[in-house]
Amino acid sequence: MNTDPVITKLIYPDPFEPAGLEVDLPDDALVTVTVTDDAGTIIHTVVNSVPMQKGRHTISLIGGVDRRGPLYCRLTAVIGSETVQVVKGL
């Protein structure tokens, strides 16, 4: 069984700043989304251990990020007894 969450796309209403991301979860999960820099330092916590049901979700990334260099969106999902992470460049 594949338990990996899938970031289906970053949502860009502005061509330079993503406003959110779409995530498909294969099962119910506790989800954390953070924005990190190149060193992996957390710049902003978007959601922290939020329970989400199986299916597609849109998570807003607006606010709280001062863009000074390359940034990454890190999604961590606890699905059952497994923890999976997906990292996407912003």
C-alpha atoms as a PDB file:
ATOM      1  CA  MET A   1       0.000   0.000   0.000  1.00  0.00           C
ATOM      2  CA  ASN A   2       1.353   3.431  -0.957  1.00  0.00           C
ATOM      3  CA  THR A   3       1.014   5.813   2.009  1.00  0.00           C
ATOM      4  CA  ASP A   4       2.881   8.742   0.445  1.00  0.00           C
ATOM      5  CA  PRO A   5       0.965  12.022   0.378  1.00  0.00           C
ATOM      6  CA  VAL A   6       1.157  13.737  -2.967  1.00  0.00           C
ATOM      7  CA  ILE A   7       1.524  17.480  -3.431  1.00  0.00           C
ATOM      8  CA  THR A   8      -0.463  17.747  -6.621  1.00  0.00           C
ATOM      9  CA  LYS A   9       0.454  21.370  -7.289  1.00  0.00           C
ATOM     10  CA  LEU A  10       1.532  24.680  -5.858  1.00  0.00           C
ATOM     11  CA  ILE A  11      -1.099  27.375  -6.435  1.00  0.00           C
ATOM     12  CA  TYR A  12       0.281  30.625  -7.933  1.00  0.00           C
ATOM     13  CA  PRO A  13      -2.147  33.548  -8.326  1.00  0.00           C
ATOM     14  CA  ASP A  14       0.959  35.776  -8.386  1.00  0.00           C
ATOM     15  CA  PRO A  15       3.708  34.456 -10.708  1.00  0.00           C
ATOM     16  CA  PHE A  16       6.388  34.953  -8.017  1.00  0.00           C
ATOM     17  CA  GLU A  17       4.702  33.843  -4.779  1.00  0.00           C
ATOM     18  CA  PRO A  18       2.766  30.606  -4.202  1.00  0.00           C
ATOM     19  CA  ALA A  19      -0.488  31.124  -2.320  1.00  0.00           C
ATOM     20  CA  GLY A  20      -1.076  27.503  -1.399  1.00  0.00           C
ATOM     21  CA  LEU A  21      -0.685  23.863  -2.253  1.00  0.00           C
ATOM     22  CA  GLU A  22      -2.989  20.995  -3.067  1.00  0.00           C
ATOM     23  CA  VAL A  23      -2.353  17.728  -1.258  1.00  0.00           C
ATOM     24  CA  ASP A  24      -3.847  14.288  -1.882  1.00  0.00           C
ATOM     25  CA  LEU A  25      -3.815  12.073   1.223  1.00  0.00           C
ATOM     26  CA  PRO A  26      -4.216   8.309   0.721  1.00  0.00           C
ATOM     27  CA  ASP A  27      -5.711   7.962   4.225  1.00  0.00           C
ATOM     28  CA  ASP A  28      -6.590  10.059   7.290  1.00  0.00           C
ATOM     29  CA  ALA A  29      -3.476  11.770   8.666  1.00  0.00           C
ATOM     30  CA  LEU A  30      -2.033  14.295  11.097  1.00  0.00           C
ATOM     31  CA  VAL A  31      -0.478  16.930   8.833  1.00  0.00           C
ATOM     32  CA  THR A  32       2.236  19.499   9.499  1.00  0.00           C
ATOM     33  CA  VAL A  33       3.335  21.972   6.810  1.00  0.00           C
ATOM     34  CA  THR A  34       6.369  24.200   7.315  1.00  0.00           C
ATOM     35  CA  VAL A  35       8.359  26.596   5.150  1.00  0.00           C
ATOM     36  CA  THR A  36      12.115  26.128   5.509  1.00  0.00           C
ATOM     37  CA  ASP A  37      15.286  27.704   4.142  1.00  0.00           C
ATOM     38  CA  ASP A  38      18.241  25.952   2.442  1.00  0.00           C
ATOM     39  CA  ALA A  39      19.641  24.839   5.827  1.00  0.00           C
ATOM     40  CA  GLY A  40      16.317  23.282   6.858  1.00  0.00           C
ATOM     41  CA  THR A  41      15.571  25.992   9.427  1.00  0.00           C
ATOM     42  CA  ILE A  42      11.837  26.466   9.887  1.00  0.00           C
ATOM     43  CA  ILE A  43      10.858  29.962   8.738  1.00  0.00           C
ATOM     44  CA  HIS A  44       7.103  29.549   9.198  1.00  0.00           C
ATOM     45  CA  THR A  45       4.745  26.818  10.431  1.00  0.00           C
ATOM     46  CA  VAL A  46       1.646  26.802   8.228  1.00  0.00           C
ATOM     47  CA  VAL A  47      -0.258  23.978   9.962  1.00  0.00           C
ATOM     48  CA  ASN A  48       0.901  21.936  12.958  1.00  0.00           C
ATOM     49  CA  SER A  49      -0.413  18.397  13.557  1.00  0.00           C
ATOM     50  CA  VAL A  50      -3.828  19.120  12.052  1.00  0.00           C
ATOM     51  CA  PRO A  51      -6.046  16.045  11.540  1.00  0.00           C
ATOM     52  CA  MET A  52      -7.102  15.735   7.898  1.00  0.00           C
ATOM     53  CA  GLN A  53      -9.285  13.159   6.239  1.00  0.00           C
ATOM     54  CA  LYS A  54      -8.343  11.067   3.231  1.00  0.00           C
ATOM     55  CA  GLY A  55      -8.648  12.995  -0.038  1.00  0.00           C
ATOM     56  CA  ARG A  56      -7.620  16.293  -1.620  1.00  0.00           C
ATOM     57  CA  HIS A  57      -7.008  19.395   0.496  1.00  0.00           C
ATOM     58  CA  THR A  58      -5.940  22.966  -0.268  1.00  0.00           C
ATOM     59  CA  ILE A  59      -3.583  24.513   2.300  1.00  0.00           C
ATOM     60  CA  SER A  60      -2.930  28.267   2.230  1.00  0.00           C
ATOM     61  CA  LEU A  61       0.692  29.460   2.355  1.00  0.00           C
ATOM     62  CA  ILE A  62      -0.154  33.177   2.458  1.00  0.00           C
ATOM     63  CA  GLY A  63       1.513  35.261   5.158  1.00  0.00           C
ATOM     64  CA  GLY A  64       4.330  34.756   7.615  1.00  0.00           C
ATOM     65  CA  VAL A  65       7.143  34.293   5.095  1.00  0.00           C
ATOM     66  CA  ASP A  66       9.866  36.865   4.454  1.00  0.00           C
ATOM     67  CA  ARG A  67      11.458  35.610   1.244  1.00  0.00           C
ATOM     68  CA  ARG A  68      15.229  36.140   1.338  1.00  0.00           C
ATOM     69  CA  GLY A  69      16.444  33.196  -0.664  1.00  0.00           C
ATOM     70  CA  PRO A  70      15.401  29.715  -1.764  1.00  0.00           C
ATOM     71  CA  LEU A  71      12.520  28.370   0.330  1.00  0.00           C
ATOM     72  CA  TYR A  72      10.996  24.908   0.598  1.00  0.00           C
ATOM     73  CA  CYS A  73       7.596  23.658   1.656  1.00  0.00           C
ATOM     74  CA  ARG A  74       7.865  20.547   3.865  1.00  0.00           C
ATOM     75  CA  LEU A  75       4.755  18.422   4.355  1.00  0.00           C
ATOM     76  CA  THR A  76       4.881  15.817   7.125  1.00  0.00           C
ATOM     77  CA  ALA A  77       1.964  13.396   7.424  1.00  0.00           C
ATOM     78  CA  VAL A  78       1.506  10.771  10.104  1.00  0.00           C
ATOM     79  CA  ILE A  79      -0.617   8.081   8.488  1.00  0.00           C
ATOM     80  CA  GLY A  80      -1.321   5.204  10.845  1.00  0.00           C
ATOM     81  CA  SER A  81       2.057   4.200  12.268  1.00  0.00           C
ATOM     82  CA  GLU A  82       4.073   5.708   9.391  1.00  0.00           C
ATOM     83  CA  THR A  83       5.497   9.207   9.048  1.00  0.00           C
ATOM     84  CA  VAL A  84       6.150  10.445   5.514  1.00  0.00           C
ATOM     85  CA  GLN A  85       7.637  13.722   4.291  1.00  0.00           C
ATOM     86  CA  VAL A  86       7.461  15.534   0.988  1.00  0.00           C
ATOM     87  CA  VAL A  87       9.605  18.601   0.201  1.00  0.00           C
ATOM     88  CA  LYS A  88       8.819  20.980  -2.672  1.00  0.00           C
ATOM     89  CA  GLY A  89      10.790  24.087  -3.700  1.00  0.00           C
ATOM     90  CA  LEU A  90       8.839  27.343  -3.613  1.00  0.00           C
END
